[in-house]
């Protein structure tokens, strides 16, 4: 059974924002919002596989505290660069 492309993006975005840890919510959520719609099929497959990994594994990969499995290396590098380019959370007023 094939998942509708729009439903798939919505599911993946939701899984990016609702992880097991707040740190991963704040890393993967904005990344998904900004990048998922523009990803090719192969990268979407890889990102979907990444979402199945544990946050306790992904976070050290992104921070550089643990080696990244080869298949995720490029994607993790892209996510880490995206996260570093964002302003630090907190310190602002705006309503959500």
N, C-alpha and C. Protein backbone atom coordinates (compact mmCIF):
# COMPACT_ATOMS: atom_id res chain seq x y z
N UNK A 1 0.84 -1.18 0.00
CA UNK A 1 0.00 0.00 0.00
C UNK A 1 0.89 1.25 0.00
N UNK A 2 0.56 2.19 -0.84
CA UNK A 2 1.36 3.41 -0.98
C UNK A 2 0.70 4.56 -0.23
N UNK A 3 1.52 5.32 0.45
CA UNK A 3 1.05 6.47 1.21
C UNK A 3 0.95 7.69 0.29
N UNK A 4 -0.13 8.42 0.40
CA UNK A 4 -0.31 9.66 -0.36
C UNK A 4 0.84 10.61 -0.04
N UNK A 5 1.47 11.24 -1.05
CA UNK A 5 2.63 12.12 -0.78
C UNK A 5 2.34 13.24 0.22
N UNK A 6 1.18 13.84 0.12
CA UNK A 6 0.84 14.91 1.07
C UNK A 6 0.68 14.38 2.48
N UNK A 7 0.05 13.24 2.62
CA UNK A 7 -0.12 12.63 3.94
C UNK A 7 1.23 12.21 4.51
N UNK A 8 2.11 11.73 3.65
CA UNK A 8 3.44 11.33 4.10
C UNK A 8 4.21 12.51 4.66
N UNK A 9 4.20 13.63 3.94
CA UNK A 9 4.90 14.83 4.43
C UNK A 9 4.31 15.30 5.76
N UNK A 10 2.99 15.25 5.85
CA UNK A 10 2.33 15.66 7.09
C UNK A 10 2.73 14.74 8.24
N UNK A 11 2.75 13.43 8.00
CA UNK A 11 3.14 12.47 9.03
C UNK A 11 4.59 12.69 9.46
N UNK A 12 5.46 12.86 8.48
CA UNK A 12 6.88 13.04 8.79
C UNK A 12 7.12 14.35 9.55
N UNK A 13 6.41 15.39 9.18
CA UNK A 13 6.53 16.66 9.89
C UNK A 13 6.07 16.51 11.33
N UNK A 14 4.93 15.84 11.52
CA UNK A 14 4.42 15.63 12.87
C UNK A 14 5.40 14.81 13.70
N UNK A 15 5.97 13.76 13.12
CA UNK A 15 6.95 12.93 13.84
C UNK A 15 8.23 13.71 14.15
N UNK A 16 8.54 14.69 13.33
CA UNK A 16 9.72 15.53 13.57
C UNK A 16 9.50 16.46 14.77
N UNK A 17 8.28 16.95 14.92
CA UNK A 17 7.95 17.87 16.00
C UNK A 17 7.61 17.17 17.30
N UNK A 18 7.22 15.91 17.23
CA UNK A 18 6.80 15.19 18.43
C UNK A 18 7.68 13.97 18.65
N UNK A 19 8.88 14.25 19.06
CA UNK A 19 9.89 13.24 19.32
C UNK A 19 9.82 12.82 20.79
N UNK A 20 10.81 12.12 21.27
CA UNK A 20 10.85 11.72 22.67
C UNK A 20 11.49 12.75 23.57
N UNK A 21 12.26 13.67 22.97
CA UNK A 21 12.92 14.71 23.76
C UNK A 21 12.66 16.08 23.16
N UNK A 22 12.62 17.07 24.01
CA UNK A 22 12.38 18.45 23.56
C UNK A 22 13.50 18.93 22.64
N UNK A 23 14.74 18.53 22.95
CA UNK A 23 15.87 18.95 22.12
C UNK A 23 15.67 18.50 20.67
N UNK A 24 15.24 17.26 20.50
CA UNK A 24 15.04 16.75 19.14
C UNK A 24 13.83 17.39 18.48
N UNK A 25 12.79 17.71 19.25
CA UNK A 25 11.65 18.45 18.70
C UNK A 25 12.14 19.76 18.09
N UNK A 26 13.03 20.45 18.83
CA UNK A 26 13.49 21.76 18.41
C UNK A 26 14.53 21.72 17.29
N UNK A 27 15.12 20.56 17.07
CA UNK A 27 16.06 20.40 15.96
C UNK A 27 15.33 19.90 14.72
N UNK A 28 14.62 18.79 14.85
CA UNK A 28 13.99 18.18 13.67
C UNK A 28 12.72 18.89 13.21
N UNK A 29 11.96 19.48 14.13
CA UNK A 29 10.73 20.16 13.75
C UNK A 29 10.95 21.30 12.76
N UNK A 30 11.79 22.27 13.11
CA UNK A 30 12.05 23.36 12.18
C UNK A 30 12.70 22.88 10.88
N UNK A 31 13.59 21.89 10.99
CA UNK A 31 14.22 21.33 9.79
C UNK A 31 13.14 20.76 8.86
N UNK A 32 12.23 19.99 9.41
CA UNK A 32 11.16 19.41 8.60
C UNK A 32 10.31 20.49 7.96
N UNK A 33 9.94 21.50 8.73
CA UNK A 33 9.13 22.60 8.19
C UNK A 33 9.82 23.26 7.00
N UNK A 34 11.12 23.46 7.13
CA UNK A 34 11.86 24.20 6.11
C UNK A 34 12.27 23.34 4.92
N UNK A 35 12.52 22.05 5.12
CA UNK A 35 13.18 21.27 4.07
C UNK A 35 12.42 20.09 3.48
N UNK A 36 11.49 19.50 4.20
CA UNK A 36 10.86 18.27 3.71
C UNK A 36 10.21 18.42 2.34
N UNK A 37 9.45 19.47 2.14
CA UNK A 37 8.72 19.63 0.88
C UNK A 37 9.64 19.70 -0.33
N UNK A 38 10.88 20.11 -0.15
CA UNK A 38 11.82 20.23 -1.25
C UNK A 38 12.72 19.03 -1.45
N UNK A 39 12.56 18.01 -0.61
CA UNK A 39 13.43 16.83 -0.70
C UNK A 39 13.00 15.90 -1.82
N UNK A 40 13.99 15.27 -2.44
CA UNK A 40 13.72 14.25 -3.43
C UNK A 40 13.29 12.95 -2.76
N UNK A 41 12.83 12.00 -3.56
CA UNK A 41 12.29 10.74 -3.04
C UNK A 41 13.32 9.97 -2.21
N UNK A 42 14.55 9.89 -2.67
CA UNK A 42 15.57 9.12 -1.95
C UNK A 42 15.89 9.76 -0.60
N UNK A 43 15.96 11.07 -0.56
CA UNK A 43 16.25 11.76 0.70
C UNK A 43 15.08 11.64 1.66
N UNK A 44 13.86 11.69 1.13
CA UNK A 44 12.69 11.49 1.99
C UNK A 44 12.70 10.09 2.61
N UNK A 45 13.08 9.09 1.82
CA UNK A 45 13.18 7.72 2.34
C UNK A 45 14.20 7.66 3.48
N UNK A 46 15.33 8.30 3.27
CA UNK A 46 16.38 8.32 4.28
C UNK A 46 15.92 9.05 5.54
N UNK A 47 15.26 10.18 5.36
CA UNK A 47 14.76 10.95 6.51
C UNK A 47 13.72 10.14 7.27
N UNK A 48 12.86 9.44 6.55
CA UNK A 48 11.86 8.59 7.19
C UNK A 48 12.55 7.50 8.02
N UNK A 49 13.62 6.93 7.49
CA UNK A 49 14.39 5.93 8.24
C UNK A 49 15.03 6.56 9.48
N UNK A 50 15.51 7.79 9.35
CA UNK A 50 16.10 8.50 10.49
C UNK A 50 15.07 8.69 11.59
N UNK A 51 13.84 8.99 11.21
CA UNK A 51 12.78 9.20 12.19
C UNK A 51 12.49 7.94 13.02
N UNK A 52 12.85 6.79 12.49
CA UNK A 52 12.65 5.53 13.22
C UNK A 52 13.75 5.28 14.24
N UNK A 53 14.82 6.05 14.19
CA UNK A 53 15.93 5.90 15.14
C UNK A 53 15.58 6.56 16.47
N UNK A 54 16.27 6.15 17.51
CA UNK A 54 16.05 6.72 18.85
C UNK A 54 16.68 8.10 18.97
N UNK A 55 15.98 8.98 19.68
CA UNK A 55 16.51 10.33 19.93
C UNK A 55 17.86 10.27 20.64
N UNK A 56 18.02 9.28 21.54
CA UNK A 56 19.26 9.15 22.28
C UNK A 56 20.44 8.80 21.38
N UNK A 57 20.15 8.31 20.18
CA UNK A 57 21.20 8.06 19.19
C UNK A 57 21.37 9.27 18.27
N UNK A 58 20.26 9.83 17.83
CA UNK A 58 20.31 10.94 16.85
C UNK A 58 20.98 12.18 17.43
N UNK A 59 20.64 12.54 18.66
CA UNK A 59 21.18 13.77 19.24
C UNK A 59 22.71 13.78 19.27
N UNK A 60 23.36 12.71 19.74
CA UNK A 60 24.84 12.72 19.71
C UNK A 60 25.40 12.73 18.29
N UNK A 61 24.69 12.19 17.34
CA UNK A 61 25.15 12.26 15.95
C UNK A 61 25.15 13.71 15.50
N UNK A 62 24.08 14.43 15.81
CA UNK A 62 23.94 15.82 15.36
C UNK A 62 24.95 16.72 16.06
N UNK A 63 25.19 16.46 17.33
CA UNK A 63 26.12 17.31 18.08
C UNK A 63 27.57 16.94 17.86
N UNK A 64 27.82 15.81 17.20
CA UNK A 64 29.18 15.38 16.95
C UNK A 64 29.78 14.58 18.10
N UNK A 65 28.97 14.23 19.09
CA UNK A 65 29.45 13.49 20.24
C UNK A 65 29.60 11.99 19.96
N UNK A 66 29.01 11.53 18.88
CA UNK A 66 29.10 10.11 18.51
C UNK A 66 29.23 10.01 16.99
N UNK A 67 29.89 8.97 16.52
CA UNK A 67 30.01 8.79 15.07
C UNK A 67 28.66 8.50 14.43
N UNK A 68 28.47 9.04 13.24
CA UNK A 68 27.22 8.89 12.50
C UNK A 68 27.31 7.65 11.61
N UNK A 69 26.28 6.81 11.61
CA UNK A 69 26.28 5.71 10.65
C UNK A 69 26.39 6.24 9.23
N UNK A 70 27.18 5.57 8.42
CA UNK A 70 27.47 6.05 7.07
C UNK A 70 26.28 6.45 6.24
N UNK A 71 25.21 5.68 6.31
CA UNK A 71 24.05 6.01 5.45
C UNK A 71 23.39 7.32 5.84
N UNK A 72 23.55 7.75 7.09
CA UNK A 72 22.93 8.99 7.55
C UNK A 72 23.89 10.19 7.53
N UNK A 73 25.14 9.98 7.19
CA UNK A 73 26.16 11.02 7.35
C UNK A 73 25.79 12.33 6.66
N UNK A 74 25.43 12.29 5.40
CA UNK A 74 25.10 13.52 4.68
C UNK A 74 23.87 14.22 5.23
N UNK A 75 22.85 13.45 5.56
CA UNK A 75 21.61 14.01 6.10
C UNK A 75 21.85 14.63 7.47
N UNK A 76 22.59 13.93 8.32
CA UNK A 76 22.89 14.47 9.66
C UNK A 76 23.72 15.75 9.53
N UNK A 77 24.65 15.78 8.62
CA UNK A 77 25.45 17.00 8.41
C UNK A 77 24.54 18.16 8.00
N UNK A 78 23.58 17.89 7.13
CA UNK A 78 22.64 18.93 6.69
C UNK A 78 21.77 19.41 7.85
N UNK A 79 21.27 18.49 8.66
CA UNK A 79 20.43 18.85 9.80
C UNK A 79 21.26 19.65 10.81
N UNK A 80 22.48 19.22 11.09
CA UNK A 80 23.34 19.93 12.04
C UNK A 80 23.65 21.35 11.57
N UNK A 81 23.95 21.49 10.30
CA UNK A 81 24.23 22.82 9.75
C UNK A 81 23.00 23.71 9.84
N UNK A 82 21.84 23.15 9.55
CA UNK A 82 20.59 23.90 9.65
C UNK A 82 20.36 24.35 11.09
N UNK A 83 20.55 23.43 12.05
CA UNK A 83 20.34 23.75 13.46
C UNK A 83 21.30 24.83 13.93
N UNK A 84 22.56 24.76 13.50
CA UNK A 84 23.54 25.78 13.90
C UNK A 84 23.22 27.14 13.31
N UNK A 85 22.55 27.18 12.18
CA UNK A 85 22.27 28.45 11.52
C UNK A 85 21.06 29.17 12.11
N UNK A 86 20.33 28.49 12.96
CA UNK A 86 19.13 29.10 13.55
C UNK A 86 19.49 29.87 14.80
N UNK A 87 18.76 30.97 15.08
CA UNK A 87 19.01 31.71 16.31
C UNK A 87 18.68 30.83 17.52
N UNK A 88 19.33 31.07 18.63
CA UNK A 88 19.08 30.32 19.85
C UNK A 88 17.65 30.54 20.32
N UNK A 89 17.06 29.49 20.87
CA UNK A 89 15.68 29.58 21.37
C UNK A 89 15.66 30.39 22.65
N UNK A 90 14.47 30.88 22.97
CA UNK A 90 14.28 31.63 24.21
C UNK A 90 14.60 33.09 24.03
N UNK A 91 14.48 33.82 25.11
CA UNK A 91 14.86 35.22 25.14
C UNK A 91 13.95 36.17 24.39
N UNK A 92 12.89 35.66 23.80
CA UNK A 92 12.04 36.57 23.05
C UNK A 92 10.64 36.62 23.59
N UNK A 93 9.90 37.59 23.17
CA UNK A 93 8.53 37.74 23.61
C UNK A 93 7.56 37.02 22.74
N UNK A 94 7.39 37.04 21.60
CA UNK A 94 6.36 36.61 20.70
C UNK A 94 5.46 35.50 21.15
N UNK A 95 4.22 35.60 20.81
CA UNK A 95 3.25 34.55 21.13
C UNK A 95 3.35 33.45 20.11
N UNK A 96 3.08 32.25 20.56
CA UNK A 96 3.16 31.11 19.64
C UNK A 96 1.81 30.74 19.11
